Protein backbone atom coordinates (compact mmCIF):
# COMPACT_ATOMS: atom_id res chain seq x y z
CA UNK A 1 38.88 -14.00 0.12
CA UNK A 2 37.39 -10.36 -0.16
CA UNK A 3 39.20 -7.57 1.59
CA UNK A 4 37.25 -5.90 4.49
CA UNK A 5 35.07 -2.95 3.51
CA UNK A 6 36.84 0.44 4.70
CA UNK A 7 35.44 2.14 7.92
CA UNK A 8 33.72 5.51 7.68
CA UNK A 9 36.85 7.39 8.17
CA UNK A 10 38.53 6.11 5.00
CA UNK A 11 38.37 8.56 2.15
CA UNK A 12 36.65 7.33 -1.12
CA UNK A 13 39.01 6.65 -4.22
CA UNK A 14 36.37 5.97 -6.70
CA UNK A 15 36.10 9.62 -7.91
CA UNK A 16 38.88 11.43 -9.67
CA UNK A 17 41.20 13.63 -7.69
CA UNK A 18 39.78 17.31 -7.07
CA UNK A 19 36.16 15.87 -8.16
CA UNK A 20 33.19 16.58 -5.98
CA UNK A 21 30.37 13.84 -5.87
CA UNK A 22 27.40 14.61 -8.04
CA UNK A 23 24.64 16.65 -6.55
CA UNK A 24 21.19 15.30 -5.78
CA UNK A 25 18.71 15.59 -8.19
CA UNK A 26 15.99 18.31 -7.60
CA UNK A 27 13.06 17.56 -5.86
CA UNK A 28 9.78 16.93 -8.16
CA UNK A 29 7.33 19.86 -8.01
CA UNK A 30 4.05 18.65 -7.13
CA UNK A 31 0.92 20.27 -8.20
CA UNK A 32 -2.70 20.28 -6.93
CA UNK A 33 -3.84 17.52 -8.98
CA UNK A 34 -1.09 15.26 -7.52
CA UNK A 35 -2.47 15.95 -3.98
CA UNK A 36 -5.92 15.40 -5.11
CA UNK A 37 -5.16 12.10 -6.76
CA UNK A 38 -3.40 10.93 -3.81
CA UNK A 39 -6.08 11.94 -1.53
CA UNK A 40 -8.73 10.18 -3.49
CA UNK A 41 -6.50 7.06 -3.61
CA UNK A 42 -6.43 6.97 0.29
CA UNK A 43 -10.23 7.49 0.46
CA UNK A 44 -10.99 4.74 -1.98
CA UNK A 45 -8.52 2.27 -0.39
CA UNK A 46 -9.96 3.11 2.98
CA UNK A 47 -13.55 2.81 1.99
CA UNK A 48 -12.88 -0.55 0.20
CA UNK A 49 -10.71 -1.93 3.00
CA UNK A 50 -13.31 -1.36 5.61
CA UNK A 51 -16.16 -2.73 3.50
CA UNK A 52 -14.20 -5.76 2.54
CA UNK A 53 -13.36 -6.16 6.37
CA UNK A 54 -16.86 -5.81 7.70
CA UNK A 55 -19.29 -7.10 4.92
CA UNK A 56 -18.38 -10.77 4.89
CA UNK A 57 -19.53 -10.87 8.75
CA UNK A 58 -22.84 -9.07 8.27
CA UNK A 59 -26.22 -10.60 7.27
CA UNK A 60 -26.17 -9.36 3.78
CA UNK A 61 -23.42 -11.87 2.94
CA UNK A 62 -25.51 -14.72 3.31
CA UNK A 63 -28.60 -13.01 1.56
CA UNK A 64 -26.79 -12.97 -1.76
CA UNK A 65 -29.18 -13.85 -4.73
CA UNK A 66 -26.54 -15.46 -6.88
CA UNK A 67 -25.62 -17.95 -4.09
CA UNK A 68 -29.33 -18.71 -3.38
CA UNK A 69 -29.93 -19.57 -6.89
CA UNK A 70 -26.83 -22.01 -7.14
CA UNK A 71 -26.93 -24.59 -4.22
CA UNK A 72 -23.30 -26.07 -5.01
CA UNK A 73 -21.53 -22.88 -3.86
CA UNK A 74 -23.43 -22.44 -0.90
CA UNK A 75 -21.26 -24.30 1.24
CA UNK A 76 -18.16 -22.48 0.12
CA UNK A 77 -20.02 -19.16 0.23
CA UNK A 78 -20.85 -19.68 4.01
CA UNK A 79 -17.43 -20.95 4.76
CA UNK A 80 -15.54 -19.03 7.40
CA UNK A 81 -12.15 -19.33 5.53
CA UNK A 82 -13.71 -17.46 2.50
CA UNK A 83 -14.80 -14.86 4.97
CA UNK A 84 -11.53 -14.73 6.31
CA UNK A 85 -9.99 -14.54 2.95
CA UNK A 86 -12.05 -11.48 2.05
CA UNK A 87 -11.51 -9.61 5.19
CA UNK A 88 -7.89 -10.33 4.81
CA UNK A 89 -7.94 -8.50 1.46
CA UNK A 90 -9.64 -5.76 3.49
CA UNK A 91 -6.86 -5.40 5.75
CA UNK A 92 -4.44 -5.42 2.85
CA UNK A 93 -6.47 -2.36 1.41
CA UNK A 94 -6.26 -0.64 4.81
CA UNK A 95 -2.56 -1.17 4.98
CA UNK A 96 -2.14 0.38 1.50
CA UNK A 97 -4.12 3.31 2.63
CA UNK A 98 -1.93 3.77 5.77
CA UNK A 99 1.27 3.65 3.50
CA UNK A 100 -0.07 6.21 1.04
CA UNK A 101 -1.10 8.30 4.11
CA UNK A 102 2.40 8.20 5.58
CA UNK A 103 3.75 9.01 1.87
CA UNK A 104 1.30 12.03 1.65
CA UNK A 105 3.83 14.00 3.76
CA UNK A 106 6.01 14.36 0.78
CA UNK A 107 3.54 17.16 -0.55
CA UNK A 108 4.21 19.15 2.20
CA UNK A 109 8.06 18.76 2.87
CA UNK A 110 10.18 21.72 1.77
């Protein structure tokens, strides 16, 4: 049986007597190209996500010349499950763009 974890008021005993805990590492210094790369990634993920979310439900989806040439895959191509899967990938891209947008704050924190 393991002993219970000490409460918040109990001092730590893993440091030598008189030693201070290690200092936090310095924050990284971001330059302009870091911000530009992050902004470009957010823009690309947003554009790709919106495209993948909307395109499968448009009329251009069924007017694909490759699908019209191979009749064996027309049933799969027009399936709502495939369209939903592609739209799901669009939602994933939009989620990544949102996460990167939230993380974009790191460039402006002191």
